[in-house]
Amino acid sequence: MTRHTTAYLLISGAATAARAPDILRGLVALGFPTVIAIPTPNTARVVAFNDLA
């Protein structure tokens, strides 16, 4: 069985981007050792990049 070790989360400037920090924590809780968040330029309008760290 293949085990995935990296999750990629693409975050757009949509209103639901505010949930991105919770989604990131959820991916880590699911066991992904590496989670990479890729924000679009408009994401800064909805979520602070520090919240994604």
N, C-alpha and C. Protein backbone atom coordinates (compact mmCIF):
# COMPACT_ATOMS: atom_id res chain seq x y z
N MET A 1 0.84 -1.18 0.00
CA MET A 1 0.00 0.00 0.00
C MET A 1 0.89 1.25 0.00
N THR A 2 0.54 2.21 -0.83
CA THR A 2 1.30 3.45 -0.91
C THR A 2 0.89 4.39 0.20
N ARG A 3 1.89 4.95 0.88
CA ARG A 3 1.60 5.92 1.94
C ARG A 3 2.00 7.29 1.43
N HIS A 4 1.04 8.20 1.43
CA HIS A 4 1.31 9.56 1.00
C HIS A 4 1.91 10.34 2.16
N THR A 5 2.99 11.06 1.90
CA THR A 5 3.68 11.78 2.97
C THR A 5 3.54 13.28 2.87
N THR A 6 3.00 13.77 1.76
CA THR A 6 2.88 15.21 1.58
C THR A 6 1.47 15.55 1.13
N ALA A 7 0.89 16.58 1.77
CA ALA A 7 -0.42 17.10 1.36
C ALA A 7 -0.22 18.53 0.88
N TYR A 8 -0.87 18.87 -0.21
CA TYR A 8 -0.81 20.22 -0.75
C TYR A 8 -2.18 20.86 -0.61
N LEU A 9 -2.24 22.05 -0.05
CA LEU A 9 -3.49 22.78 0.10
C LEU A 9 -3.39 24.07 -0.69
N LEU A 10 -4.19 24.19 -1.74
CA LEU A 10 -4.25 25.40 -2.55
C LEU A 10 -5.33 26.30 -1.96
N ILE A 11 -4.97 27.53 -1.65
CA ILE A 11 -5.89 28.44 -0.99
C ILE A 11 -6.15 29.63 -1.90
N SER A 12 -7.41 29.85 -2.23
CA SER A 12 -7.76 31.00 -3.08
C SER A 12 -8.32 32.12 -2.20
N GLY A 13 -8.69 33.21 -2.81
CA GLY A 13 -9.22 34.35 -2.07
C GLY A 13 -10.69 34.24 -1.74
N ALA A 14 -11.25 33.06 -1.87
CA ALA A 14 -12.67 32.87 -1.57
C ALA A 14 -12.93 33.02 -0.08
N ALA A 15 -14.16 33.27 0.27
CA ALA A 15 -14.53 33.46 1.67
C ALA A 15 -14.19 32.24 2.53
N THR A 16 -14.22 31.06 1.94
CA THR A 16 -13.91 29.85 2.71
C THR A 16 -12.42 29.71 3.00
N ALA A 17 -11.58 30.59 2.45
CA ALA A 17 -10.15 30.55 2.74
C ALA A 17 -9.89 30.80 4.22
N ALA A 18 -10.80 31.44 4.90
CA ALA A 18 -10.64 31.69 6.34
C ALA A 18 -10.57 30.37 7.12
N ARG A 19 -11.04 29.29 6.53
CA ARG A 19 -10.99 27.98 7.18
C ARG A 19 -9.66 27.26 6.94
N ALA A 20 -8.78 27.84 6.14
CA ALA A 20 -7.53 27.19 5.77
C ALA A 20 -6.68 26.80 6.98
N PRO A 21 -6.51 27.64 8.00
CA PRO A 21 -5.71 27.21 9.15
C PRO A 21 -6.26 25.95 9.82
N ASP A 22 -7.58 25.85 9.92
CA ASP A 22 -8.19 24.65 10.51
C ASP A 22 -7.97 23.43 9.61
N ILE A 23 -8.06 23.62 8.31
CA ILE A 23 -7.83 22.52 7.38
C ILE A 23 -6.39 22.05 7.46
N LEU A 24 -5.45 22.99 7.56
CA LEU A 24 -4.03 22.62 7.69
C LEU A 24 -3.80 21.78 8.94
N ARG A 25 -4.35 22.22 10.06
CA ARG A 25 -4.20 21.45 11.31
C ARG A 25 -4.85 20.07 11.18
N GLY A 26 -5.97 20.00 10.47
CA GLY A 26 -6.64 18.72 10.26
C GLY A 26 -5.80 17.76 9.43
N LEU A 27 -5.13 18.28 8.41
CA LEU A 27 -4.27 17.42 7.59
C LEU A 27 -3.11 16.87 8.41
N VAL A 28 -2.55 17.70 9.29
CA VAL A 28 -1.48 17.22 10.17
C VAL A 28 -2.02 16.17 11.12
N ALA A 29 -3.22 16.40 11.64
CA ALA A 29 -3.84 15.43 12.56
C ALA A 29 -4.13 14.10 11.87
N LEU A 30 -4.36 14.13 10.57
CA LEU A 30 -4.60 12.90 9.82
C LEU A 30 -3.33 12.09 9.59
N GLY A 31 -2.18 12.70 9.91
CA GLY A 31 -0.94 11.96 9.81
C GLY A 31 0.00 12.37 8.70
N PHE A 32 -0.32 13.45 7.99
CA PHE A 32 0.60 13.91 6.95
C PHE A 32 1.78 14.59 7.63
N PRO A 33 3.00 14.07 7.43
CA PRO A 33 4.15 14.69 8.06
C PRO A 33 4.53 16.03 7.43
N THR A 34 4.15 16.22 6.17
CA THR A 34 4.45 17.47 5.48
C THR A 34 3.17 18.00 4.85
N VAL A 35 2.83 19.25 5.17
CA VAL A 35 1.68 19.92 4.56
C VAL A 35 2.19 21.23 3.97
N ILE A 36 1.96 21.41 2.69
CA ILE A 36 2.42 22.60 1.99
C ILE A 36 1.20 23.42 1.58
N ALA A 37 1.14 24.66 2.07
CA ALA A 37 0.05 25.56 1.73
C ALA A 37 0.51 26.47 0.60
N ILE A 38 -0.30 26.55 -0.45
CA ILE A 38 0.03 27.39 -1.60
C ILE A 38 -1.09 28.43 -1.75
N PRO A 39 -0.85 29.64 -1.25
CA PRO A 39 -1.88 30.68 -1.35
C PRO A 39 -1.81 31.42 -2.68
N THR A 40 -2.96 31.83 -3.19
CA THR A 40 -2.99 32.69 -4.36
C THR A 40 -2.81 34.13 -3.89
N PRO A 41 -2.50 35.06 -4.77
CA PRO A 41 -2.31 36.46 -4.34
C PRO A 41 -3.52 37.05 -3.60
N ASN A 42 -4.72 36.65 -3.95
CA ASN A 42 -5.91 37.21 -3.31
C ASN A 42 -6.18 36.62 -1.92
N THR A 43 -5.46 35.60 -1.54
CA THR A 43 -5.67 34.98 -0.24
C THR A 43 -5.42 35.97 0.89
N ALA A 44 -4.48 36.88 0.71
CA ALA A 44 -4.15 37.85 1.76
C ALA A 44 -5.34 38.73 2.13
N ARG A 45 -6.33 38.82 1.28
CA ARG A 45 -7.53 39.60 1.58
C ARG A 45 -8.42 38.90 2.60
N VAL A 46 -8.23 37.58 2.74
CA VAL A 46 -9.13 36.79 3.56
C VAL A 46 -8.46 36.22 4.79
N VAL A 47 -7.19 35.83 4.67
CA VAL A 47 -6.50 35.16 5.77
C VAL A 47 -5.08 35.71 5.89
N ALA A 48 -4.61 35.86 7.13
CA ALA A 48 -3.25 36.34 7.38
C ALA A 48 -2.28 35.17 7.14
N PHE A 49 -1.20 35.44 6.43
CA PHE A 49 -0.25 34.37 6.13
C PHE A 49 0.37 33.79 7.40
N ASN A 50 0.48 34.56 8.46
CA ASN A 50 1.00 34.04 9.73
C ASN A 50 0.12 32.93 10.28
N ASP A 51 -1.17 32.97 9.99
CA ASP A 51 -2.08 31.92 10.45
C ASP A 51 -1.83 30.60 9.73
N LEU A 52 -1.12 30.64 8.62
CA LEU A 52 -0.84 29.43 7.85
C LEU A 52 0.49 28.78 8.24
N ALA A 53 1.22 29.44 9.13
CA ALA A 53 2.52 28.91 9.53
C ALA A 53 2.37 27.79 10.54
